[in-house]
Amino acid sequence: MKKLIILFSIFFSISLSAQNVRDVDAETFKKLMKDKKSIVIDLRTPDEIKTKGKIKNALELDFLALDAEDKLKKLDKKKTYLIYCAGGGRSGDCKDLMAKEGFSNVANLAKGFDDWKKKGFEVETVK
């Protein structure tokens, strides 16, 4: 019985931590950005950011770079991260990696920056 209780406790805590790792639409992503403690991360390449711009004040972390996983692992797992890429593929992979690494609060812009821009939300140009 003790083993069953321990297993249930472990499963329940894993389920709770994964609850806040999710995909969101552009409107929800924008609302989540209002929390100034949230950290927005653009996972696209520097060239993509230069040619298309980025969400204002987003940090840049090229998810295709060789050291991307190492950089992600150094982030504070207890903070809230709002991540995006061009169309949602890379950021979806990143979301899964972050969940696996124990991050407790991650929101992925499911349809990516392209959808954000299409909706007319604010974009910052980068030189």
N, C-alpha and C. Protein backbone atom coordinates (compact mmCIF):
# COMPACT_ATOMS: atom_id res chain seq x y z
N MET A 1 0.82 -1.19 0.00
CA MET A 1 0.00 0.00 0.00
C MET A 1 0.87 1.26 0.00
N LYS A 2 1.97 1.24 0.78
CA LYS A 2 2.87 2.40 0.81
C LYS A 2 3.44 2.68 -0.57
N LYS A 3 3.82 1.62 -1.27
CA LYS A 3 4.39 1.79 -2.61
C LYS A 3 3.36 2.41 -3.55
N LEU A 4 2.13 2.00 -3.44
CA LEU A 4 1.07 2.54 -4.28
C LEU A 4 0.87 4.03 -4.00
N ILE A 5 0.89 4.41 -2.75
CA ILE A 5 0.74 5.82 -2.37
C ILE A 5 1.91 6.65 -2.90
N ILE A 6 3.11 6.11 -2.78
CA ILE A 6 4.29 6.81 -3.28
C ILE A 6 4.21 6.98 -4.80
N LEU A 7 3.86 5.91 -5.51
CA LEU A 7 3.73 6.00 -6.96
C LEU A 7 2.66 7.00 -7.37
N PHE A 8 1.54 7.00 -6.68
CA PHE A 8 0.47 7.95 -6.97
C PHE A 8 0.95 9.38 -6.72
N SER A 9 1.68 9.60 -5.65
CA SER A 9 2.21 10.94 -5.34
C SER A 9 3.17 11.42 -6.42
N ILE A 10 4.04 10.54 -6.87
CA ILE A 10 4.99 10.90 -7.93
C ILE A 10 4.23 11.23 -9.22
N PHE A 11 3.29 10.39 -9.60
CA PHE A 11 2.51 10.62 -10.81
C PHE A 11 1.74 11.93 -10.70
N PHE A 12 1.14 12.20 -9.56
CA PHE A 12 0.35 13.42 -9.36
C PHE A 12 1.22 14.65 -9.46
N SER A 13 2.42 14.64 -8.86
CA SER A 13 3.30 15.81 -8.94
C SER A 13 3.83 16.03 -10.35
N ILE A 14 4.10 14.95 -11.08
CA ILE A 14 4.53 15.09 -12.48
C ILE A 14 3.39 15.68 -13.30
N SER A 15 2.19 15.23 -13.07
CA SER A 15 1.02 15.75 -13.80
C SER A 15 0.81 17.22 -13.53
N LEU A 16 0.96 17.62 -12.28
CA LEU A 16 0.78 19.03 -11.93
C LEU A 16 1.82 19.91 -12.60
N SER A 17 3.07 19.48 -12.60
CA SER A 17 4.11 20.31 -13.19
C SER A 17 3.93 20.42 -14.71
N ALA A 18 3.42 19.38 -15.34
CA ALA A 18 3.24 19.42 -16.78
C ALA A 18 1.99 20.20 -17.18
N GLN A 19 1.08 20.44 -16.25
CA GLN A 19 -0.15 21.16 -16.56
C GLN A 19 0.11 22.54 -17.14
N ASN A 20 1.16 23.20 -16.73
CA ASN A 20 1.43 24.55 -17.17
C ASN A 20 2.39 24.62 -18.35
N VAL A 21 2.64 23.52 -19.00
CA VAL A 21 3.43 23.49 -20.22
C VAL A 21 2.42 23.20 -21.32
N ARG A 22 2.17 24.24 -22.14
CA ARG A 22 1.03 24.13 -23.04
C ARG A 22 1.21 24.96 -24.31
N ASP A 23 0.35 24.69 -25.28
CA ASP A 23 0.25 25.48 -26.51
C ASP A 23 -0.87 26.49 -26.31
N VAL A 24 -0.66 27.72 -26.83
CA VAL A 24 -1.68 28.76 -26.74
C VAL A 24 -1.80 29.48 -28.07
N ASP A 25 -2.94 30.12 -28.29
CA ASP A 25 -3.12 30.92 -29.49
C ASP A 25 -2.52 32.32 -29.28
N ALA A 26 -2.48 33.11 -30.34
CA ALA A 26 -1.84 34.42 -30.28
C ALA A 26 -2.50 35.36 -29.27
N GLU A 27 -3.81 35.32 -29.18
CA GLU A 27 -4.52 36.19 -28.24
C GLU A 27 -4.15 35.85 -26.79
N THR A 28 -4.10 34.58 -26.48
CA THR A 28 -3.73 34.14 -25.13
C THR A 28 -2.27 34.49 -24.84
N PHE A 29 -1.40 34.28 -25.82
CA PHE A 29 0.02 34.60 -25.68
C PHE A 29 0.17 36.08 -25.33
N LYS A 30 -0.55 36.92 -26.03
CA LYS A 30 -0.49 38.37 -25.79
C LYS A 30 -0.95 38.70 -24.37
N LYS A 31 -2.01 38.05 -23.91
CA LYS A 31 -2.50 38.27 -22.53
C LYS A 31 -1.45 37.83 -21.51
N LEU A 32 -0.80 36.70 -21.77
CA LEU A 32 0.22 36.20 -20.85
C LEU A 32 1.42 37.14 -20.77
N MET A 33 1.68 37.87 -21.85
CA MET A 33 2.79 38.82 -21.88
C MET A 33 2.59 39.99 -20.92
N LYS A 34 1.35 40.23 -20.51
CA LYS A 34 1.07 41.33 -19.59
C LYS A 34 1.71 41.10 -18.22
N ASP A 35 1.96 39.85 -17.89
CA ASP A 35 2.67 39.53 -16.65
C ASP A 35 4.14 39.85 -16.86
N LYS A 36 4.61 40.91 -16.25
CA LYS A 36 5.98 41.39 -16.47
C LYS A 36 7.05 40.40 -15.99
N LYS A 37 6.65 39.39 -15.23
CA LYS A 37 7.60 38.37 -14.80
C LYS A 37 7.84 37.31 -15.88
N SER A 38 6.95 37.27 -16.87
CA SER A 38 7.10 36.31 -17.96
C SER A 38 8.27 36.70 -18.84
N ILE A 39 8.96 35.70 -19.36
CA ILE A 39 10.10 35.92 -20.24
C ILE A 39 9.74 35.39 -21.62
N VAL A 40 9.74 36.29 -22.60
CA VAL A 40 9.41 35.92 -23.97
C VAL A 40 10.70 35.56 -24.69
N ILE A 41 10.70 34.40 -25.35
CA ILE A 41 11.90 33.94 -26.06
C ILE A 41 11.57 33.62 -27.51
N ASP A 42 12.29 34.26 -28.41
CA ASP A 42 12.20 34.01 -29.85
C ASP A 42 13.22 32.93 -30.19
N LEU A 43 12.76 31.83 -30.73
CA LEU A 43 13.62 30.68 -31.01
C LEU A 43 14.10 30.62 -32.46
N ARG A 44 13.81 31.65 -33.24
CA ARG A 44 14.22 31.66 -34.65
C ARG A 44 15.69 32.04 -34.81
N THR A 45 16.19 31.87 -36.01
CA THR A 45 17.58 32.21 -36.31
C THR A 45 17.74 33.73 -36.37
N PRO A 46 18.96 34.22 -36.18
CA PRO A 46 19.20 35.66 -36.30
C PRO A 46 18.76 36.23 -37.66
N ASP A 47 18.95 35.48 -38.73
CA ASP A 47 18.53 35.95 -40.05
C ASP A 47 17.01 36.10 -40.15
N GLU A 48 16.28 35.15 -39.58
CA GLU A 48 14.82 35.25 -39.59
C GLU A 48 14.37 36.49 -38.83
N ILE A 49 15.00 36.74 -37.71
CA ILE A 49 14.63 37.89 -36.87
C ILE A 49 14.94 39.19 -37.60
N LYS A 50 16.10 39.26 -38.25
CA LYS A 50 16.48 40.48 -38.98
C LYS A 50 15.53 40.78 -40.13
N THR A 51 15.09 39.75 -40.83
CA THR A 51 14.25 39.98 -42.01
C THR A 51 12.78 40.17 -41.69
N LYS A 52 12.29 39.58 -40.58
CA LYS A 52 10.86 39.66 -40.29
C LYS A 52 10.51 40.41 -39.01
N GLY A 53 11.53 40.74 -38.19
CA GLY A 53 11.25 41.38 -36.91
C GLY A 53 10.98 40.35 -35.84
N LYS A 54 10.57 40.84 -34.68
CA LYS A 54 10.27 39.93 -33.56
C LYS A 54 9.24 40.59 -32.65
N ILE A 55 8.75 39.82 -31.70
CA ILE A 55 7.85 40.37 -30.69
C ILE A 55 8.68 41.28 -29.80
N LYS A 56 8.13 42.44 -29.50
CA LYS A 56 8.86 43.45 -28.73
C LYS A 56 9.40 42.88 -27.42
N ASN A 57 10.67 43.18 -27.16
CA ASN A 57 11.40 42.79 -25.94
C ASN A 57 11.68 41.29 -25.80
N ALA A 58 11.44 40.53 -26.85
CA ALA A 58 11.73 39.08 -26.78
C ALA A 58 13.23 38.84 -26.74
N LEU A 59 13.65 37.91 -25.91
CA LEU A 59 15.03 37.46 -25.91
C LEU A 59 15.23 36.56 -27.11
N GLU A 60 16.43 36.49 -27.62
CA GLU A 60 16.71 35.65 -28.78
C GLU A 60 17.54 34.45 -28.38
N LEU A 61 17.05 33.27 -28.75
CA LEU A 61 17.77 32.02 -28.50
C LEU A 61 17.54 31.13 -29.71
N ASP A 62 18.52 31.08 -30.58
CA ASP A 62 18.41 30.31 -31.82
C ASP A 62 18.33 28.82 -31.48
N PHE A 63 17.14 28.25 -31.63
CA PHE A 63 16.92 26.85 -31.26
C PHE A 63 17.66 25.88 -32.18
N LEU A 64 18.09 26.36 -33.35
CA LEU A 64 18.83 25.51 -34.27
C LEU A 64 20.34 25.53 -34.00
N ALA A 65 20.79 26.41 -33.12
CA ALA A 65 22.21 26.49 -32.79
C ALA A 65 22.65 25.26 -32.00
N LEU A 66 23.90 24.91 -32.13
CA LEU A 66 24.43 23.71 -31.46
C LEU A 66 24.35 23.80 -29.93
N ASP A 67 24.43 25.00 -29.39
CA ASP A 67 24.42 25.17 -27.93
C ASP A 67 23.04 25.52 -27.36
N ALA A 68 22.01 25.44 -28.18
CA ALA A 68 20.67 25.84 -27.74
C ALA A 68 20.19 25.05 -26.52
N GLU A 69 20.37 23.75 -26.55
CA GLU A 69 19.90 22.91 -25.44
C GLU A 69 20.65 23.26 -24.15
N ASP A 70 21.93 23.51 -24.24
CA ASP A 70 22.72 23.89 -23.07
C ASP A 70 22.23 25.22 -22.50
N LYS A 71 21.93 26.18 -23.38
CA LYS A 71 21.42 27.48 -22.93
C LYS A 71 20.07 27.34 -22.24
N LEU A 72 19.21 26.48 -22.79
CA LEU A 72 17.89 26.26 -22.19
C LEU A 72 18.02 25.65 -20.79
N LYS A 73 18.91 24.71 -20.65
CA LYS A 73 19.08 24.03 -19.36
C LYS A 73 19.57 24.97 -18.27
N LYS A 74 20.19 26.08 -18.65
CA LYS A 74 20.70 27.05 -17.68
C LYS A 74 19.63 28.02 -17.18
N LEU A 75 18.47 28.03 -17.84
CA LEU A 75 17.39 28.93 -17.43
C LEU A 75 16.76 28.46 -16.12
N ASP A 76 16.20 29.39 -15.37
CA ASP A 76 15.51 29.09 -14.11
C ASP A 76 14.21 28.35 -14.41
N LYS A 77 14.12 27.12 -13.98
CA LYS A 77 12.97 26.27 -14.29
C LYS A 77 11.67 26.73 -13.63
N LYS A 78 11.78 27.60 -12.65
CA LYS A 78 10.58 28.05 -11.93
C LYS A 78 9.93 29.29 -12.55
N LYS A 79 10.62 29.93 -13.48
CA LYS A 79 10.07 31.14 -14.11
C LYS A 79 9.10 30.78 -15.22
N THR A 80 8.35 31.78 -15.66
CA THR A 80 7.39 31.59 -16.74
C THR A 80 8.01 32.00 -18.06
N TYR A 81 7.96 31.10 -19.04
CA TYR A 81 8.53 31.35 -20.36
C TYR A 81 7.44 31.29 -21.42
N LEU A 82 7.46 32.29 -22.30
CA LEU A 82 6.56 32.35 -23.44
C LEU A 82 7.45 32.20 -24.67
N ILE A 83 7.32 31.11 -25.38
CA ILE A 83 8.24 30.80 -26.47
C ILE A 83 7.53 30.78 -27.82
N TYR A 84 8.30 31.12 -28.85
CA TYR A 84 7.73 31.07 -30.20
C TYR A 84 8.84 30.92 -31.24
N CYS A 85 8.43 30.46 -32.42
CA CYS A 85 9.30 30.39 -33.59
C CYS A 85 8.48 30.91 -34.76
N ALA A 86 8.82 30.54 -35.97
CA ALA A 86 8.10 31.05 -37.14
C ALA A 86 6.68 30.49 -37.25
N GLY A 87 6.56 29.16 -37.18
CA GLY A 87 5.25 28.54 -37.39
C GLY A 87 4.77 27.62 -36.30
N GLY A 88 5.57 27.41 -35.26
CA GLY A 88 5.17 26.58 -34.14
C GLY A 88 5.88 25.24 -34.03
N GLY A 89 6.63 24.84 -35.05
CA GLY A 89 7.32 23.55 -35.02
C GLY A 89 8.48 23.49 -34.04
N ARG A 90 9.43 24.40 -34.22
CA ARG A 90 10.60 24.43 -33.32
C ARG A 90 10.17 24.71 -31.88
N SER A 91 9.26 25.67 -31.73
CA SER A 91 8.85 26.01 -30.37
C SER A 91 8.06 24.85 -29.73
N GLY A 92 7.36 24.07 -30.53
CA GLY A 92 6.70 22.88 -30.01
C GLY A 92 7.71 21.87 -29.51
N ASP A 93 8.78 21.68 -30.27
CA ASP A 93 9.87 20.79 -29.84
C ASP A 93 10.53 21.33 -28.58
N CYS A 94 10.74 22.64 -28.55
CA CYS A 94 11.36 23.27 -27.39
C CYS A 94 10.48 23.12 -26.15
N LYS A 95 9.18 23.30 -26.34
CA LYS A 95 8.22 23.14 -25.23
C LYS A 95 8.33 21.73 -24.65
N ASP A 96 8.39 20.72 -25.52
CA ASP A 96 8.51 19.33 -25.07
C ASP A 96 9.83 19.11 -24.32
N LEU A 97 10.91 19.68 -24.83
CA LEU A 97 12.21 19.57 -24.17
C LEU A 97 12.16 20.24 -22.80
N MET A 98 11.57 21.42 -22.73
CA MET A 98 11.48 22.14 -21.46
C MET A 98 10.65 21.35 -20.44
N ALA A 99 9.57 20.73 -20.89
CA ALA A 99 8.75 19.90 -20.00
C ALA A 99 9.58 18.73 -19.47
N LYS A 100 10.33 18.10 -20.37
CA LYS A 100 11.19 16.97 -20.00
C LYS A 100 12.26 17.39 -18.98
N GLU A 101 12.74 18.62 -19.12
CA GLU A 101 13.80 19.13 -18.24
C GLU A 101 13.25 19.68 -16.92
N GLY A 102 11.93 19.68 -16.75
CA GLY A 102 11.34 20.07 -15.47
C GLY A 102 10.90 21.52 -15.35
N PHE A 103 10.79 22.24 -16.47
CA PHE A 103 10.27 23.60 -16.41
C PHE A 103 8.79 23.54 -16.03
N SER A 104 8.37 24.44 -15.16
CA SER A 104 7.02 24.34 -14.62
C SER A 104 5.99 25.22 -15.31
N ASN A 105 6.41 26.23 -16.08
CA ASN A 105 5.43 27.11 -16.69
C ASN A 105 5.94 27.62 -18.04
N VAL A 106 5.47 26.97 -19.11
CA VAL A 106 5.89 27.32 -20.47
C VAL A 106 4.65 27.40 -21.35
N ALA A 107 4.54 28.50 -22.10
CA ALA A 107 3.46 28.64 -23.07
C ALA A 107 4.09 28.80 -24.45
N ASN A 108 3.67 27.96 -25.37
CA ASN A 108 4.16 27.96 -26.74
C ASN A 108 3.13 28.63 -27.64
N LEU A 109 3.57 29.62 -28.41
CA LEU A 109 2.71 30.25 -29.41
C LEU A 109 2.51 29.24 -30.52
N ALA A 110 1.38 28.53 -30.48
CA ALA A 110 1.16 27.34 -31.30
C ALA A 110 1.33 27.55 -32.80
N LYS A 111 0.86 28.67 -33.33
CA LYS A 111 0.98 28.91 -34.77
C LYS A 111 2.11 29.88 -35.10
N GLY A 112 2.91 30.21 -34.11
CA GLY A 112 4.13 30.96 -34.32
C GLY A 112 4.00 32.44 -34.63
N PHE A 113 5.17 33.01 -34.90
CA PHE A 113 5.30 34.44 -35.18
C PHE A 113 4.50 34.84 -36.42
N ASP A 114 4.44 33.97 -37.40
CA ASP A 114 3.70 34.29 -38.62
C ASP A 114 2.24 34.60 -38.30
N ASP A 115 1.63 33.83 -37.42
CA ASP A 115 0.24 34.07 -37.02
C ASP A 115 0.14 35.35 -36.19
N TRP A 116 1.12 35.58 -35.31
CA TRP A 116 1.16 36.79 -34.49
C TRP A 116 1.13 38.03 -35.39
N LYS A 117 1.99 38.01 -36.39
CA LYS A 117 2.11 39.14 -37.31
C LYS A 117 0.83 39.30 -38.15
N LYS A 118 0.29 38.18 -38.58
CA LYS A 118 -0.94 38.17 -39.39
C LYS A 118 -2.12 38.80 -38.62
N LYS A 119 -2.11 38.60 -37.30
CA LYS A 119 -3.18 39.15 -36.46
C LYS A 119 -2.98 40.66 -36.22
N GLY A 120 -1.85 41.20 -36.65
CA GLY A 120 -1.60 42.63 -36.51
C GLY A 120 -1.04 43.04 -35.16
N PHE A 121 -0.54 42.08 -34.38
CA PHE A 121 0.04 42.42 -33.08
C PHE A 121 1.41 43.07 -33.27
N GLU A 122 1.85 43.79 -32.24
CA GLU A 122 3.07 44.60 -32.32
C GLU A 122 4.31 43.77 -32.64
N VAL A 123 5.09 44.30 -33.58
CA VAL A 123 6.33 43.67 -34.00
C VAL A 123 7.43 44.73 -33.96
N GLU A 124 8.59 44.32 -33.51
CA GLU A 124 9.75 45.20 -33.42
C GLU A 124 10.73 44.83 -34.52
N THR A 125 11.25 45.83 -35.23
CA THR A 125 12.26 45.55 -36.26
C THR A 125 13.64 45.49 -35.61
N VAL A 126 14.49 44.64 -36.16
CA VAL A 126 15.83 44.43 -35.62
C VAL A 126 16.84 44.73 -36.72
N LYS A 127 17.87 45.47 -36.38
CA LYS A 127 18.89 45.83 -37.38
C LYS A 127 20.08 44.91 -37.31
